[in-house]
Amino acid sequence: PAGVYAHTAERQWENDRAITNDGCSAEVNVDIARQLVEWPVGKDLRV
């Protein structure tokens, strides 16, 4: 389902903790849940 709306280098980055656990910044990288709520395609999904 993330393929509908997300852009990420790692499929496991579904939340911010998953990003930091991989040694990356959750501020530089936006997790998939945030992309669903904040980014254009995700937040405009009607259902």
All heavy atoms as atom14 arrays in JSON, in Angstrom:
{
  "sequence": "PAGVYAHTAERQWENDRAITNDGCSAEVNVDIARQLVEWPVGKDLRV",
  "atom14_mask": [
    [1, 1, 1, 1, 1, 1, 1, 0, 0, 0, 0, 0, 0, 0],
    [1, 1, 1, 1, 1, 0, 0, 0, 0, 0, 0, 0, 0, 0],
    [1, 1, 1, 1, 0, 0, 0, 0, 0, 0, 0, 0, 0, 0],
    [1, 1, 1, 1, 1, 1, 1, 0, 0, 0, 0, 0, 0, 0],
    [1, 1, 1, 1, 1, 1, 1, 1, 1, 1, 1, 1, 0, 0],
    [1, 1, 1, 1, 1, 0, 0, 0, 0, 0, 0, 0, 0, 0],
    [1, 1, 1, 1, 1, 1, 1, 1, 1, 1, 0, 0, 0, 0],
    [1, 1, 1, 1, 1, 1, 1, 0, 0, 0, 0, 0, 0, 0],
    [1, 1, 1, 1, 1, 0, 0, 0, 0, 0, 0, 0, 0, 0],
    [1, 1, 1, 1, 1, 1, 1, 1, 1, 0, 0, 0, 0, 0],
    [1, 1, 1, 1, 1, 1, 1, 1, 1, 1, 1, 0, 0, 0],
    [1, 1, 1, 1, 1, 1, 1, 1, 1, 0, 0, 0, 0, 0],
    [1, 1, 1, 1, 1, 1, 1, 1, 1, 1, 1, 1, 1, 1],
    [1, 1, 1, 1, 1, 1, 1, 1, 1, 0, 0, 0, 0, 0],
    [1, 1, 1, 1, 1, 1, 1, 1, 0, 0, 0, 0, 0, 0],
    [1, 1, 1, 1, 1, 1, 1, 1, 0, 0, 0, 0, 0, 0],
    [1, 1, 1, 1, 1, 1, 1, 1, 1, 1, 1, 0, 0, 0],
    [1, 1, 1, 1, 1, 0, 0, 0, 0, 0, 0, 0, 0, 0],
    [1, 1, 1, 1, 1, 1, 1, 1, 0, 0, 0, 0, 0, 0],
    [1, 1, 1, 1, 1, 1, 1, 0, 0, 0, 0, 0, 0, 0],
    [1, 1, 1, 1, 1, 1, 1, 1, 0, 0, 0, 0, 0, 0],
    [1, 1, 1, 1, 1, 1, 1, 1, 0, 0, 0, 0, 0, 0],
    [1, 1, 1, 1, 0, 0, 0, 0, 0, 0, 0, 0, 0, 0],
    [1, 1, 1, 1, 1, 1, 0, 0, 0, 0, 0, 0, 0, 0],
    [1, 1, 1, 1, 1, 1, 0, 0, 0, 0, 0, 0, 0, 0],
    [1, 1, 1, 1, 1, 0, 0, 0, 0, 0, 0, 0, 0, 0],
    [1, 1, 1, 1, 1, 1, 1, 1, 1, 0, 0, 0, 0, 0],
    [1, 1, 1, 1, 1, 1, 1, 0, 0, 0, 0, 0, 0, 0],
    [1, 1, 1, 1, 1, 1, 1, 1, 0, 0, 0, 0, 0, 0],
    [1, 1, 1, 1, 1, 1, 1, 0, 0, 0, 0, 0, 0, 0],
    [1, 1, 1, 1, 1, 1, 1, 1, 0, 0, 0, 0, 0, 0],
    [1, 1, 1, 1, 1, 1, 1, 1, 0, 0, 0, 0, 0, 0],
    [1, 1, 1, 1, 1, 0, 0, 0, 0, 0, 0, 0, 0, 0],
    [1, 1, 1, 1, 1, 1, 1, 1, 1, 1, 1, 0, 0, 0],
    [1, 1, 1, 1, 1, 1, 1, 1, 1, 0, 0, 0, 0, 0],
    [1, 1, 1, 1, 1, 1, 1, 1, 0, 0, 0, 0, 0, 0],
    [1, 1, 1, 1, 1, 1, 1, 0, 0, 0, 0, 0, 0, 0],
    [1, 1, 1, 1, 1, 1, 1, 1, 1, 0, 0, 0, 0, 0],
    [1, 1, 1, 1, 1, 1, 1, 1, 1, 1, 1, 1, 1, 1],
    [1, 1, 1, 1, 1, 1, 1, 0, 0, 0, 0, 0, 0, 0],
    [1, 1, 1, 1, 1, 1, 1, 0, 0, 0, 0, 0, 0, 0],
    [1, 1, 1, 1, 0, 0, 0, 0, 0, 0, 0, 0, 0, 0],
    [1, 1, 1, 1, 1, 1, 1, 1, 1, 0, 0, 0, 0, 0],
    [1, 1, 1, 1, 1, 1, 1, 1, 0, 0, 0, 0, 0, 0],
    [1, 1, 1, 1, 1, 1, 1, 1, 0, 0, 0, 0, 0, 0],
    [1, 1, 1, 1, 1, 1, 1, 1, 1, 1, 1, 0, 0, 0],
    [1, 1, 1, 1, 1, 1, 1, 0, 0, 0, 0, 0, 0, 0]
  ],
  "atom14_positions": [
    [[0.81, -1.22, 0.0], [0.0, 0.0, 0.0], [0.84, 1.27, 0.0], [0.41, 2.3, -0.54], [-0.83, -0.12, 1.28], [-0.11, -1.09, 2.13], [0.54, -2.05, 1.19], [0.0, 0.0, 0.0], [0.0, 0.0, 0.0], [0.0, 0.0, 0.0], [0.0, 0.0, 0.0], [0.0, 0.0, 0.0], [0.0, 0.0, 0.0], [0.0, 0.0, 0.0]],
    [[2.04, 1.22, 0.57], [2.9, 2.41, 0.59], [3.28, 2.83, -0.82], [3.56, 4.02, -1.06], [4.16, 2.15, 1.42], [0.0, 0.0, 0.0], [0.0, 0.0, 0.0], [0.0, 0.0, 0.0], [0.0, 0.0, 0.0], [0.0, 0.0, 0.0], [0.0, 0.0, 0.0], [0.0, 0.0, 0.0], [0.0, 0.0, 0.0], [0.0, 0.0, 0.0]],
    [[3.28, 1.9, -1.77], [3.57, 2.24, -3.15], [2.57, 3.21, -3.75], [2.86, 3.88, -4.75], [0.0, 0.0, 0.0], [0.0, 0.0, 0.0], [0.0, 0.0, 0.0], [0.0, 0.0, 0.0], [0.0, 0.0, 0.0], [0.0, 0.0, 0.0], [0.0, 0.0, 0.0], [0.0, 0.0, 0.0], [0.0, 0.0, 0.0], [0.0, 0.0, 0.0]],
    [[1.4, 3.33, -3.13], [0.38, 4.27, -3.61], [0.8, 5.71, -3.36], [0.52, 6.59, -4.17], [-0.98, 3.99, -2.91], [-2.0, 5.06, -3.24], [-1.51, 2.6, -3.3], [0.0, 0.0, 0.0], [0.0, 0.0, 0.0], [0.0, 0.0, 0.0], [0.0, 0.0, 0.0], [0.0, 0.0, 0.0], [0.0, 0.0, 0.0], [0.0, 0.0, 0.0]],
    [[1.52, 5.96, -2.24], [1.73, 7.35, -1.82], [3.13, 7.69, -1.31], [3.45, 8.88, -1.15], [0.74, 7.68, -0.7], [0.89, 6.8, 0.52], [1.79, 7.12, 1.54], [0.14, 5.64, 0.68], [1.94, 6.3, 2.66], [0.28, 4.82, 1.78], [1.17, 5.15, 2.77], [1.33, 4.34, 3.86], [0.0, 0.0, 0.0], [0.0, 0.0, 0.0]],
    [[4.01, 6.71, -1.06], [5.26, 6.98, -0.33], [6.49, 6.96, -1.23], [6.48, 6.4, -2.33], [5.42, 5.97, 0.8], [0.0, 0.0, 0.0], [0.0, 0.0, 0.0], [0.0, 0.0, 0.0], [0.0, 0.0, 0.0], [0.0, 0.0, 0.0], [0.0, 0.0, 0.0], [0.0, 0.0, 0.0], [0.0, 0.0, 0.0], [0.0, 0.0, 0.0]],
    [[7.57, 7.57, -0.7], [8.88, 7.59, -1.34], [9.93, 7.35, -0.26], [10.13, 8.21, 0.61], [9.14, 8.93, -2.03], [8.01, 9.38, -2.92], [7.87, 8.93, -4.22], [6.97, 10.21, -2.68], [6.78, 9.48, -4.75], [6.23, 10.27, -3.83], [0.0, 0.0, 0.0], [0.0, 0.0, 0.0], [0.0, 0.0, 0.0], [0.0, 0.0, 0.0]],
    [[10.58, 6.21, -0.28], [11.52, 5.88, 0.79], [12.58, 4.9, 0.32], [12.34, 4.08, -0.57], [10.78, 5.3, 2.01], [11.71, 5.03, 3.07], [10.06, 4.01, 1.65], [0.0, 0.0, 0.0], [0.0, 0.0, 0.0], [0.0, 0.0, 0.0], [0.0, 0.0, 0.0], [0.0, 0.0, 0.0], [0.0, 0.0, 0.0], [0.0, 0.0, 0.0]],
    [[13.76, 4.99, 0.95], [14.85, 4.07, 0.64], [14.74, 2.76, 1.39], [15.5, 1.83, 1.1], [16.19, 4.73, 0.96], [0.0, 0.0, 0.0], [0.0, 0.0, 0.0], [0.0, 0.0, 0.0], [0.0, 0.0, 0.0], [0.0, 0.0, 0.0], [0.0, 0.0, 0.0], [0.0, 0.0, 0.0], [0.0, 0.0, 0.0], [0.0, 0.0, 0.0]],
    [[13.8, 2.68, 2.35], [13.71, 1.47, 3.17], [12.25, 1.18, 3.54], [11.59, 1.98, 4.22], [14.54, 1.63, 4.45], [14.42, 0.52, 5.45], [14.69, -0.86, 4.85], [15.83, -1.09, 4.4], [13.76, -1.7, 4.83], [0.0, 0.0, 0.0], [0.0, 0.0, 0.0], [0.0, 0.0, 0.0], [0.0, 0.0, 0.0], [0.0, 0.0, 0.0]],
    [[11.76, 0.05, 3.1], [10.38, -0.33, 3.33], [10.04, -0.46, 4.81], [8.88, -0.34, 5.21], [10.05, -1.65, 2.62], [10.93, -2.81, 3.04], [10.51, -4.12, 2.4], [9.24, -4.59, 2.93], [8.62, -5.68, 2.49], [9.15, -6.38, 1.5], [7.48, -6.05, 3.01], [0.0, 0.0, 0.0], [0.0, 0.0, 0.0], [0.0, 0.0, 0.0]],
    [[11.06, -0.72, 5.65], [10.82, -0.9, 7.08], [10.63, 0.42, 7.82], [10.24, 0.43, 8.98], [12.0, -1.66, 7.72], [12.3, -3.01, 7.11], [11.19, -4.03, 7.32], [10.32, -3.85, 8.17], [11.21, -5.11, 6.55], [0.0, 0.0, 0.0], [0.0, 0.0, 0.0], [0.0, 0.0, 0.0], [0.0, 0.0, 0.0], [0.0, 0.0, 0.0]],
    [[10.87, 1.54, 7.16], [10.76, 2.84, 7.83], [9.31, 3.29, 7.92], [8.92, 4.36, 7.44], [11.61, 3.88, 7.1], [13.1, 3.63, 7.23], [13.72, 2.74, 8.06], [14.14, 4.27, 6.49], [15.09, 2.78, 7.9], [15.37, 3.72, 6.94], [14.16, 5.26, 5.51], [16.6, 4.12, 6.43], [15.38, 5.66, 5.0], [16.6, 5.11, 5.46]],
    [[8.5, 2.48, 8.57], [7.08, 2.79, 8.7], [6.81, 3.8, 9.8], [5.73, 4.41, 9.84], [6.28, 1.5, 8.95], [6.38, 0.49, 7.82], [5.57, -0.76, 8.08], [4.35, -0.65, 8.35], [6.15, -1.88, 8.03], [0.0, 0.0, 0.0], [0.0, 0.0, 0.0], [0.0, 0.0, 0.0], [0.0, 0.0, 0.0], [0.0, 0.0, 0.0]],
    [[7.74, 3.95, 10.74], [7.64, 4.95, 11.8], [9.01, 5.53, 12.08], [10.03, 5.03, 11.57], [7.04, 4.33, 13.07], [7.87, 3.16, 13.58], [8.97, 3.33, 14.09], [7.34, 1.94, 13.42], [0.0, 0.0, 0.0], [0.0, 0.0, 0.0], [0.0, 0.0, 0.0], [0.0, 0.0, 0.0], [0.0, 0.0, 0.0], [0.0, 0.0, 0.0]],
    [[9.08, 6.59, 12.86], [10.35, 7.3, 13.07], [11.39, 6.46, 13.79], [12.58, 6.55, 13.52], [10.11, 8.61, 13.83], [9.58, 8.37, 15.24], [8.63, 7.57, 15.4], [10.11, 8.99, 16.18], [0.0, 0.0, 0.0], [0.0, 0.0, 0.0], [0.0, 0.0, 0.0], [0.0, 0.0, 0.0], [0.0, 0.0, 0.0], [0.0, 0.0, 0.0]],
    [[10.95, 5.61, 14.72], [11.9, 4.78, 15.47], [12.63, 3.81, 14.55], [13.83, 3.54, 14.74], [11.17, 4.01, 16.58], [12.12, 3.18, 17.45], [11.42, 2.61, 18.67], [10.4, 1.64, 18.33], [9.73, 0.91, 19.21], [9.95, 1.09, 20.51], [8.82, 0.05, 18.85], [0.0, 0.0, 0.0], [0.0, 0.0, 0.0], [0.0, 0.0, 0.0]],
    [[11.94, 3.3, 13.54], [12.58, 2.37, 12.6], [13.72, 3.06, 11.84], [14.73, 2.42, 11.52], [11.55, 1.82, 11.62], [0.0, 0.0, 0.0], [0.0, 0.0, 0.0], [0.0, 0.0, 0.0], [0.0, 0.0, 0.0], [0.0, 0.0, 0.0], [0.0, 0.0, 0.0], [0.0, 0.0, 0.0], [0.0, 0.0, 0.0], [0.0, 0.0, 0.0]],
    [[13.56, 4.34, 11.56], [14.61, 5.08, 10.85], [15.84, 5.26, 11.74], [16.97, 4.99, 11.32], [14.07, 6.45, 10.39], [12.93, 6.27, 9.39], [15.2, 7.28, 9.76], [12.26, 7.57, 8.99], [0.0, 0.0, 0.0], [0.0, 0.0, 0.0], [0.0, 0.0, 0.0], [0.0, 0.0, 0.0], [0.0, 0.0, 0.0], [0.0, 0.0, 0.0]],
    [[15.63, 5.7, 12.96], [16.76, 5.92, 13.86], [17.44, 4.6, 14.24], [18.66, 4.57, 14.45], [16.31, 6.65, 15.13], [15.25, 5.91, 15.77], [15.8, 8.04, 14.79], [0.0, 0.0, 0.0], [0.0, 0.0, 0.0], [0.0, 0.0, 0.0], [0.0, 0.0, 0.0], [0.0, 0.0, 0.0], [0.0, 0.0, 0.0], [0.0, 0.0, 0.0]],
    [[16.68, 3.52, 14.31], [17.29, 2.21, 14.6], [18.24, 1.78, 13.5], [19.15, 0.98, 13.74], [16.21, 1.15, 14.78], [15.49, 1.27, 16.11], [15.94, 1.97, 17.01], [14.35, 0.58, 16.23], [0.0, 0.0, 0.0], [0.0, 0.0, 0.0], [0.0, 0.0, 0.0], [0.0, 0.0, 0.0], [0.0, 0.0, 0.0], [0.0, 0.0, 0.0]],
    [[18.05, 2.3, 12.28], [18.95, 1.99, 11.17], [20.1, 2.99, 11.06], [20.86, 2.97, 10.09], [18.16, 1.97, 9.85], [17.47, 0.65, 9.61], [17.72, -0.31, 10.39], [16.68, 0.54, 8.66], [0.0, 0.0, 0.0], [0.0, 0.0, 0.0], [0.0, 0.0, 0.0], [0.0, 0.0, 0.0], [0.0, 0.0, 0.0], [0.0, 0.0, 0.0]],
    [[20.21, 3.88, 12.06], [21.32, 4.82, 12.07], [21.12, 6.03, 11.19], [22.07, 6.77, 10.9], [0.0, 0.0, 0.0], [0.0, 0.0, 0.0], [0.0, 0.0, 0.0], [0.0, 0.0, 0.0], [0.0, 0.0, 0.0], [0.0, 0.0, 0.0], [0.0, 0.0, 0.0], [0.0, 0.0, 0.0], [0.0, 0.0, 0.0], [0.0, 0.0, 0.0]],
    [[19.88, 6.27, 10.74], [19.58, 7.43, 9.91], [18.76, 8.44, 10.72], [18.26, 8.14, 11.8], [18.81, 7.02, 8.66], [19.73, 5.93, 7.55], [0.0, 0.0, 0.0], [0.0, 0.0, 0.0], [0.0, 0.0, 0.0], [0.0, 0.0, 0.0], [0.0, 0.0, 0.0], [0.0, 0.0, 0.0], [0.0, 0.0, 0.0], [0.0, 0.0, 0.0]],
    [[18.63, 9.62, 10.19], [17.9, 10.68, 10.87], [16.42, 10.66, 10.49], [16.08, 10.66, 9.31], [18.5, 12.05, 10.51], [17.65, 13.09, 10.94], [0.0, 0.0, 0.0], [0.0, 0.0, 0.0], [0.0, 0.0, 0.0], [0.0, 0.0, 0.0], [0.0, 0.0, 0.0], [0.0, 0.0, 0.0], [0.0, 0.0, 0.0], [0.0, 0.0, 0.0]],
    [[15.56, 10.69, 11.52], [14.12, 10.74, 11.28], [13.66, 12.15, 10.94], [12.48, 12.35, 10.63], [13.37, 10.24, 12.51], [0.0, 0.0, 0.0], [0.0, 0.0, 0.0], [0.0, 0.0, 0.0], [0.0, 0.0, 0.0], [0.0, 0.0, 0.0], [0.0, 0.0, 0.0], [0.0, 0.0, 0.0], [0.0, 0.0, 0.0], [0.0, 0.0, 0.0]],
    [[14.57, 13.1, 11.01], [14.26, 14.46, 10.56], [14.61, 14.62, 9.08], [13.89, 15.26, 8.32], [15.02, 15.48, 11.4], [14.59, 15.48, 12.87], [15.38, 16.49, 13.69], [16.26, 17.18, 13.1], [15.13, 16.59, 14.9], [0.0, 0.0, 0.0], [0.0, 0.0, 0.0], [0.0, 0.0, 0.0], [0.0, 0.0, 0.0], [0.0, 0.0, 0.0]],
    [[15.71, 14.01, 8.68], [16.1, 14.04, 7.27], [15.18, 13.15, 6.44], [14.77, 13.5, 5.34], [17.57, 13.59, 7.09], [17.93, 13.46, 5.62], [18.5, 14.57, 7.79], [0.0, 0.0, 0.0], [0.0, 0.0, 0.0], [0.0, 0.0, 0.0], [0.0, 0.0, 0.0], [0.0, 0.0, 0.0], [0.0, 0.0, 0.0], [0.0, 0.0, 0.0]],
    [[14.82, 11.98, 6.99], [13.95, 11.03, 6.32], [12.57, 11.05, 6.98], [12.46, 10.92, 8.2], [14.53, 9.62, 6.41], [15.87, 9.5, 5.71], [15.92, 9.28, 4.51], [16.96, 9.63, 6.46], [0.0, 0.0, 0.0], [0.0, 0.0, 0.0], [0.0, 0.0, 0.0], [0.0, 0.0, 0.0], [0.0, 0.0, 0.0], [0.0, 0.0, 0.0]],
    [[11.54, 11.21, 6.17], [10.17, 11.22, 6.69], [9.61, 9.81, 6.62], [9.59, 9.18, 5.56], [9.28, 12.18, 5.87], [7.84, 12.16, 6.38], [9.85, 13.6, 5.93], [0.0, 0.0, 0.0], [0.0, 0.0, 0.0], [0.0, 0.0, 0.0], [0.0, 0.0, 0.0], [0.0, 0.0, 0.0], [0.0, 0.0, 0.0], [0.0, 0.0, 0.0]],
    [[9.17, 9.29, 7.78], [8.68, 7.91, 7.81], [7.38, 7.77, 7.02], [6.7, 8.75, 6.7], [8.51, 7.43, 9.25], [7.47, 8.21, 10.03], [6.26, 7.96, 9.83], [7.86, 9.1, 10.84], [0.0, 0.0, 0.0], [0.0, 0.0, 0.0], [0.0, 0.0, 0.0], [0.0, 0.0, 0.0], [0.0, 0.0, 0.0], [0.0, 0.0, 0.0]],
    [[7.04, 6.52, 6.7], [5.92, 6.24, 5.8], [4.59, 6.68, 6.39], [3.72, 7.21, 5.68], [5.9, 4.75, 5.42], [7.18, 4.38, 4.64], [4.67, 4.4, 4.59], [7.35, 2.9, 4.38], [0.0, 0.0, 0.0], [0.0, 0.0, 0.0], [0.0, 0.0, 0.0], [0.0, 0.0, 0.0], [0.0, 0.0, 0.0], [0.0, 0.0, 0.0]],
    [[4.39, 6.49, 7.71], [3.13, 6.92, 8.33], [2.96, 8.43, 8.21], [1.86, 8.92, 7.92], [3.09, 6.49, 9.79], [0.0, 0.0, 0.0], [0.0, 0.0, 0.0], [0.0, 0.0, 0.0], [0.0, 0.0, 0.0], [0.0, 0.0, 0.0], [0.0, 0.0, 0.0], [0.0, 0.0, 0.0], [0.0, 0.0, 0.0], [0.0, 0.0, 0.0]],
    [[4.03, 9.17, 8.43], [3.95, 10.62, 8.27], [3.66, 11.02, 6.83], [2.9, 11.96, 6.58], [5.26, 11.27, 8.73], [5.38, 11.51, 10.23], [6.66, 12.28, 10.55], [6.69, 13.56, 9.86], [7.8, 14.3, 9.68], [8.97, 13.85, 10.12], [7.74, 15.46, 9.06], [0.0, 0.0, 0.0], [0.0, 0.0, 0.0], [0.0, 0.0, 0.0]],
    [[4.23, 10.29, 5.9], [3.97, 10.6, 4.49], [2.49, 10.41, 4.16], [1.92, 11.17, 3.36], [4.84, 9.74, 3.58], [6.32, 10.07, 3.64], [7.12, 9.33, 2.59], [6.68, 9.17, 1.46], [8.32, 8.87, 2.95], [0.0, 0.0, 0.0], [0.0, 0.0, 0.0], [0.0, 0.0, 0.0], [0.0, 0.0, 0.0], [0.0, 0.0, 0.0]],
    [[1.85, 9.4, 4.76], [0.43, 9.19, 4.52], [-0.4, 10.36, 5.04], [-1.38, 10.77, 4.4], [-0.03, 7.89, 5.2], [-1.52, 7.55, 5.11], [-1.98, 7.45, 3.66], [-1.82, 6.26, 5.85], [0.0, 0.0, 0.0], [0.0, 0.0, 0.0], [0.0, 0.0, 0.0], [0.0, 0.0, 0.0], [0.0, 0.0, 0.0], [0.0, 0.0, 0.0]],
    [[0.01, 10.93, 6.15], [-0.76, 12.0, 6.79], [-0.38, 13.39, 6.27], [-1.23, 14.27, 6.17], [-0.55, 11.94, 8.32], [-1.17, 13.14, 9.03], [-1.14, 10.64, 8.87], [0.0, 0.0, 0.0], [0.0, 0.0, 0.0], [0.0, 0.0, 0.0], [0.0, 0.0, 0.0], [0.0, 0.0, 0.0], [0.0, 0.0, 0.0], [0.0, 0.0, 0.0]],
    [[0.9, 13.56, 5.89], [1.41, 14.9, 5.59], [1.66, 15.19, 4.11], [1.5, 16.33, 3.68], [2.73, 15.14, 6.35], [2.62, 15.06, 7.86], [3.97, 15.17, 8.53], [5.0, 15.34, 7.82], [4.02, 15.07, 9.77], [0.0, 0.0, 0.0], [0.0, 0.0, 0.0], [0.0, 0.0, 0.0], [0.0, 0.0, 0.0], [0.0, 0.0, 0.0]],
    [[2.07, 14.2, 3.35], [2.48, 14.47, 1.98], [1.28, 14.46, 1.03], [0.26, 13.84, 1.33], [3.55, 13.47, 1.55], [4.9, 13.75, 2.18], [5.15, 14.55, 3.25], [6.17, 13.23, 1.77], [6.49, 14.56, 3.54], [7.15, 13.77, 2.64], [6.57, 12.37, 0.75], [8.5, 13.47, 2.52], [7.93, 12.06, 0.64], [8.88, 12.61, 1.5]],
    [[1.4, 15.13, -0.11], [0.23, 15.4, -0.97], [-0.62, 14.19, -1.34], [-1.84, 14.21, -1.16], [0.86, 16.05, -2.21], [2.09, 16.7, -1.7], [2.62, 15.79, -0.63], [0.0, 0.0, 0.0], [0.0, 0.0, 0.0], [0.0, 0.0, 0.0], [0.0, 0.0, 0.0], [0.0, 0.0, 0.0], [0.0, 0.0, 0.0], [0.0, 0.0, 0.0]],
    [[-0.01, 13.13, -1.87], [-0.83, 12.0, -2.33], [-1.5, 11.31, -1.16], [-2.72, 11.03, -1.2], [0.03, 11.0, -3.13], [-0.82, 9.79, -3.54], [0.63, 11.66, -4.37], [0.0, 0.0, 0.0], [0.0, 0.0, 0.0], [0.0, 0.0, 0.0], [0.0, 0.0, 0.0], [0.0, 0.0, 0.0], [0.0, 0.0, 0.0], [0.0, 0.0, 0.0]],
    [[-0.77, 11.04, -0.1], [-1.32, 10.34, 1.06], [-2.45, 11.09, 1.72], [-3.52, 10.52, 1.98], [0.0, 0.0, 0.0], [0.0, 0.0, 0.0], [0.0, 0.0, 0.0], [0.0, 0.0, 0.0], [0.0, 0.0, 0.0], [0.0, 0.0, 0.0], [0.0, 0.0, 0.0], [0.0, 0.0, 0.0], [0.0, 0.0, 0.0], [0.0, 0.0, 0.0]],
    [[-2.24, 12.36, 2.01], [-3.27, 13.11, 2.74], [-4.52, 13.36, 1.9], [-5.58, 13.65, 2.45], [-2.7, 14.43, 3.25], [-2.41, 15.48, 2.2], [-1.84, 16.73, 2.85], [-1.59, 17.83, 1.83], [-1.05, 19.06, 2.46], [0.0, 0.0, 0.0], [0.0, 0.0, 0.0], [0.0, 0.0, 0.0], [0.0, 0.0, 0.0], [0.0, 0.0, 0.0]],
    [[-4.4, 13.25, 0.57], [-5.56, 13.45, -0.29], [-6.29, 12.16, -0.63], [-7.29, 12.19, -1.37], [-5.14, 14.15, -1.58], [-4.82, 15.64, -1.35], [-5.31, 16.19, -0.34], [-4.09, 16.22, -2.16], [0.0, 0.0, 0.0], [0.0, 0.0, 0.0], [0.0, 0.0, 0.0], [0.0, 0.0, 0.0], [0.0, 0.0, 0.0], [0.0, 0.0, 0.0]],
    [[-5.84, 11.02, -0.12], [-6.58, 9.77, -0.32], [-7.92, 9.87, 0.38], [-7.99, 10.22, 1.56], [-5.78, 8.58, 0.21], [-4.47, 8.25, -0.52], [-3.71, 7.15, 0.21], [-4.73, 7.85, -1.97], [0.0, 0.0, 0.0], [0.0, 0.0, 0.0], [0.0, 0.0, 0.0], [0.0, 0.0, 0.0], [0.0, 0.0, 0.0], [0.0, 0.0, 0.0]],
    [[-8.98, 9.55, -0.32], [-10.32, 9.71, 0.23], [-10.7, 8.59, 1.19], [-11.54, 8.78, 2.08], [-11.34, 9.8, -0.9], [-11.21, 11.05, -1.75], [-11.54, 12.29, -0.94], [-11.53, 13.5, -1.74], [-12.47, 14.43, -1.7], [-13.51, 14.27, -0.9], [-12.39, 15.5, -2.46], [0.0, 0.0, 0.0], [0.0, 0.0, 0.0], [0.0, 0.0, 0.0]],
    [[-10.13, 7.42, 0.97], [-10.43, 6.29, 1.85], [-9.18, 5.46, 2.02], [-8.49, 5.13, 1.05], [-11.6, 5.44, 1.29], [-11.31, 4.93, -0.11], [-11.94, 4.29, 2.21], [0.0, 0.0, 0.0], [0.0, 0.0, 0.0], [0.0, 0.0, 0.0], [0.0, 0.0, 0.0], [0.0, 0.0, 0.0], [0.0, 0.0, 0.0], [0.0, 0.0, 0.0]]
  ]
}
